[in-house]
């Protein structure tokens, strides 16, 4: 049985960086990590690109434009 982790984010790359750092230190890695991005700026995308290849599992990035709080939709 596999597992995926979904991390919801919005314009807070410092916290996302800490979250991904914590995930990278897990003994048992998930099959994939998906970032559900509710309209963050480019800085978040750049951070995700830096983490690709370092995380130890596939890192997916789903993004949509910022039209208010739509976290449920992006997740």
N, C-alpha and C. Protein backbone atom coordinates (compact mmCIF):
# COMPACT_ATOMS: atom_id res chain seq x y z
N UNK A 1 0.85 -1.18 0.00
CA UNK A 1 0.00 0.00 0.00
C UNK A 1 0.89 1.24 0.00
N UNK A 2 0.56 2.21 -0.82
CA UNK A 2 1.35 3.43 -0.91
C UNK A 2 0.67 4.59 -0.20
N UNK A 3 1.40 5.66 -0.11
CA UNK A 3 0.87 6.86 0.54
C UNK A 3 1.39 8.10 -0.16
N UNK A 4 0.55 9.12 -0.19
CA UNK A 4 0.93 10.43 -0.72
C UNK A 4 0.68 11.47 0.36
N UNK A 5 1.43 12.53 0.32
CA UNK A 5 1.26 13.65 1.25
C UNK A 5 0.86 14.87 0.41
N UNK A 6 -0.22 15.54 0.83
CA UNK A 6 -0.64 16.79 0.20
C UNK A 6 -0.34 17.92 1.16
N UNK A 7 0.40 18.91 0.67
CA UNK A 7 0.74 20.09 1.47
C UNK A 7 0.08 21.30 0.81
N UNK A 8 -0.84 21.94 1.53
CA UNK A 8 -1.49 23.15 1.03
C UNK A 8 -0.64 24.36 1.39
N UNK A 9 -0.51 25.31 0.44
CA UNK A 9 0.31 26.48 0.69
C UNK A 9 -0.26 27.70 0.00
N UNK A 10 0.09 28.87 0.54
CA UNK A 10 -0.25 30.14 -0.09
C UNK A 10 0.75 31.19 0.37
N UNK A 11 1.63 31.61 -0.51
CA UNK A 11 2.56 32.72 -0.27
C UNK A 11 3.32 32.66 1.05
N UNK A 12 3.82 31.49 1.38
CA UNK A 12 4.66 31.39 2.57
C UNK A 12 5.78 30.38 2.31
N UNK A 13 6.71 30.74 1.42
CA UNK A 13 7.77 29.78 1.06
C UNK A 13 8.66 29.38 2.23
N UNK A 14 8.82 30.23 3.23
CA UNK A 14 9.65 29.86 4.39
C UNK A 14 9.04 28.66 5.12
N UNK A 15 7.75 28.68 5.34
CA UNK A 15 7.09 27.56 6.03
C UNK A 15 7.07 26.32 5.16
N UNK A 16 6.85 26.51 3.85
CA UNK A 16 6.87 25.37 2.94
C UNK A 16 8.25 24.73 2.92
N UNK A 17 9.29 25.54 2.95
CA UNK A 17 10.66 25.02 2.99
C UNK A 17 10.86 24.17 4.24
N UNK A 18 10.39 24.64 5.39
CA UNK A 18 10.51 23.86 6.63
C UNK A 18 9.72 22.56 6.55
N UNK A 19 8.55 22.61 5.97
CA UNK A 19 7.72 21.42 5.81
C UNK A 19 8.42 20.38 4.94
N UNK A 20 8.97 20.82 3.81
CA UNK A 20 9.67 19.90 2.92
C UNK A 20 10.95 19.36 3.56
N UNK A 21 11.62 20.19 4.34
CA UNK A 21 12.81 19.72 5.06
C UNK A 21 12.44 18.62 6.05
N UNK A 22 11.32 18.77 6.72
CA UNK A 22 10.85 17.74 7.64
C UNK A 22 10.49 16.46 6.91
N UNK A 23 9.81 16.59 5.78
CA UNK A 23 9.46 15.41 4.99
C UNK A 23 10.72 14.69 4.49
N UNK A 24 11.73 15.43 4.12
CA UNK A 24 12.97 14.84 3.61
C UNK A 24 13.69 14.02 4.66
N UNK A 25 13.41 14.26 5.92
CA UNK A 25 14.10 13.55 7.00
C UNK A 25 13.32 12.32 7.49
N UNK A 26 12.23 11.98 6.85
CA UNK A 26 11.44 10.84 7.28
C UNK A 26 12.18 9.53 6.98
N UNK A 27 12.00 8.58 7.84
CA UNK A 27 12.62 7.27 7.65
C UNK A 27 11.92 6.54 6.51
N UNK A 28 10.60 6.59 6.48
CA UNK A 28 9.81 5.98 5.42
C UNK A 28 9.20 7.12 4.60
N UNK A 29 9.63 7.23 3.35
CA UNK A 29 9.16 8.32 2.49
C UNK A 29 7.81 7.97 1.88
N UNK A 30 6.97 8.98 1.66
CA UNK A 30 5.73 8.72 0.92
C UNK A 30 6.06 8.41 -0.54
N UNK A 31 5.09 7.89 -1.26
CA UNK A 31 5.29 7.62 -2.69
C UNK A 31 5.40 8.91 -3.49
N UNK A 32 4.74 9.97 -3.01
CA UNK A 32 4.84 11.27 -3.66
C UNK A 32 4.38 12.35 -2.69
N UNK A 33 4.82 13.58 -2.95
CA UNK A 33 4.37 14.75 -2.21
C UNK A 33 3.77 15.70 -3.25
N UNK A 34 2.54 16.14 -2.97
CA UNK A 34 1.86 17.07 -3.86
C UNK A 34 1.68 18.40 -3.14
N UNK A 35 2.12 19.47 -3.77
CA UNK A 35 1.94 20.81 -3.23
C UNK A 35 0.68 21.40 -3.87
N UNK A 36 -0.31 21.70 -3.05
CA UNK A 36 -1.55 22.33 -3.49
C UNK A 36 -1.41 23.83 -3.24
N UNK A 37 -1.11 24.56 -4.30
CA UNK A 37 -0.72 25.97 -4.21
C UNK A 37 -1.89 26.87 -4.61
N UNK A 38 -2.43 27.57 -3.64
CA UNK A 38 -3.63 28.41 -3.83
C UNK A 38 -3.27 29.80 -4.33
N UNK A 39 -2.43 29.88 -5.37
CA UNK A 39 -2.17 31.16 -6.02
C UNK A 39 -0.95 31.90 -5.52
N UNK A 40 0.06 31.19 -5.04
CA UNK A 40 1.27 31.85 -4.56
C UNK A 40 2.03 32.52 -5.70
N UNK A 41 2.97 33.38 -5.32
CA UNK A 41 3.83 34.05 -6.29
C UNK A 41 4.91 33.08 -6.79
N UNK A 42 5.74 33.54 -7.70
CA UNK A 42 6.79 32.72 -8.30
C UNK A 42 7.82 32.20 -7.32
N UNK A 43 7.98 32.87 -6.20
CA UNK A 43 8.97 32.43 -5.21
C UNK A 43 8.68 31.01 -4.72
N UNK A 44 7.41 30.68 -4.58
CA UNK A 44 7.03 29.34 -4.14
C UNK A 44 7.41 28.31 -5.21
N UNK A 45 7.14 28.61 -6.47
CA UNK A 45 7.50 27.71 -7.55
C UNK A 45 9.00 27.47 -7.63
N UNK A 46 9.77 28.52 -7.41
CA UNK A 46 11.23 28.39 -7.42
C UNK A 46 11.70 27.49 -6.29
N UNK A 47 11.09 27.62 -5.12
CA UNK A 47 11.44 26.78 -3.98
C UNK A 47 11.14 25.31 -4.30
N UNK A 48 9.99 25.05 -4.89
CA UNK A 48 9.62 23.68 -5.23
C UNK A 48 10.61 23.11 -6.23
N UNK A 49 11.01 23.88 -7.21
CA UNK A 49 12.00 23.41 -8.19
C UNK A 49 13.32 23.07 -7.52
N UNK A 50 13.72 23.84 -6.52
CA UNK A 50 14.97 23.54 -5.80
C UNK A 50 14.87 22.22 -5.05
N UNK A 51 13.67 21.90 -4.54
CA UNK A 51 13.49 20.67 -3.77
C UNK A 51 13.36 19.43 -4.65
N UNK A 52 12.97 19.60 -5.92
CA UNK A 52 12.85 18.43 -6.80
C UNK A 52 14.21 17.75 -6.90
N UNK A 53 14.22 16.46 -6.76
CA UNK A 53 15.48 15.72 -6.83
C UNK A 53 16.17 15.58 -5.49
N UNK A 54 15.83 16.44 -4.54
CA UNK A 54 16.44 16.37 -3.20
C UNK A 54 15.53 15.68 -2.20
N UNK A 55 14.25 15.59 -2.52
CA UNK A 55 13.27 15.11 -1.55
C UNK A 55 13.31 13.60 -1.36
N UNK A 56 13.66 12.86 -2.40
CA UNK A 56 13.70 11.40 -2.27
C UNK A 56 12.42 10.73 -2.75
N UNK A 57 11.49 11.51 -3.29
CA UNK A 57 10.27 11.00 -3.89
C UNK A 57 9.76 12.06 -4.87
N UNK A 58 8.85 11.69 -5.77
CA UNK A 58 8.32 12.69 -6.71
C UNK A 58 7.65 13.85 -5.99
N UNK A 59 7.87 15.05 -6.50
CA UNK A 59 7.29 16.27 -5.93
C UNK A 59 6.45 16.93 -7.01
N UNK A 60 5.14 16.94 -6.79
CA UNK A 60 4.20 17.51 -7.74
C UNK A 60 3.78 18.90 -7.29
N UNK A 61 3.43 19.76 -8.24
CA UNK A 61 3.03 21.13 -7.91
C UNK A 61 1.77 21.49 -8.69
N UNK A 62 0.65 21.61 -7.98
CA UNK A 62 -0.61 22.06 -8.58
C UNK A 62 -0.83 23.51 -8.15
N UNK A 63 -1.07 24.40 -9.11
CA UNK A 63 -1.20 25.83 -8.83
C UNK A 63 -2.41 26.36 -9.58
N UNK A 64 -3.12 27.30 -8.96
CA UNK A 64 -4.11 28.06 -9.71
C UNK A 64 -4.01 29.52 -9.31
N UNK A 65 -4.60 30.40 -10.14
CA UNK A 65 -4.52 31.84 -9.89
C UNK A 65 -5.18 32.22 -8.57
N UNK A 66 -4.70 33.30 -8.00
CA UNK A 66 -5.22 33.80 -6.73
C UNK A 66 -6.52 34.57 -6.98
N UNK A 67 -7.63 33.92 -6.67
CA UNK A 67 -8.95 34.56 -6.73
C UNK A 67 -9.64 34.41 -5.39
N UNK A 68 -8.91 34.74 -4.33
CA UNK A 68 -9.44 34.57 -2.98
C UNK A 68 -9.14 33.18 -2.45
N UNK A 69 -9.69 32.89 -1.30
CA UNK A 69 -9.44 31.62 -0.61
C UNK A 69 -10.15 30.48 -1.35
N UNK A 70 -9.36 29.62 -1.98
CA UNK A 70 -9.90 28.46 -2.69
C UNK A 70 -9.07 27.20 -2.39
N UNK A 71 -8.67 27.09 -1.13
CA UNK A 71 -7.84 25.97 -0.71
C UNK A 71 -8.52 24.63 -0.97
N UNK A 72 -9.80 24.53 -0.67
CA UNK A 72 -10.52 23.27 -0.89
C UNK A 72 -10.50 22.84 -2.34
N UNK A 73 -10.62 23.80 -3.23
CA UNK A 73 -10.61 23.49 -4.66
C UNK A 73 -9.26 22.99 -5.13
N UNK A 74 -8.18 23.61 -4.70
CA UNK A 74 -6.85 23.21 -5.16
C UNK A 74 -6.43 21.87 -4.54
N UNK A 75 -6.85 21.60 -3.32
CA UNK A 75 -6.53 20.31 -2.70
C UNK A 75 -7.23 19.18 -3.44
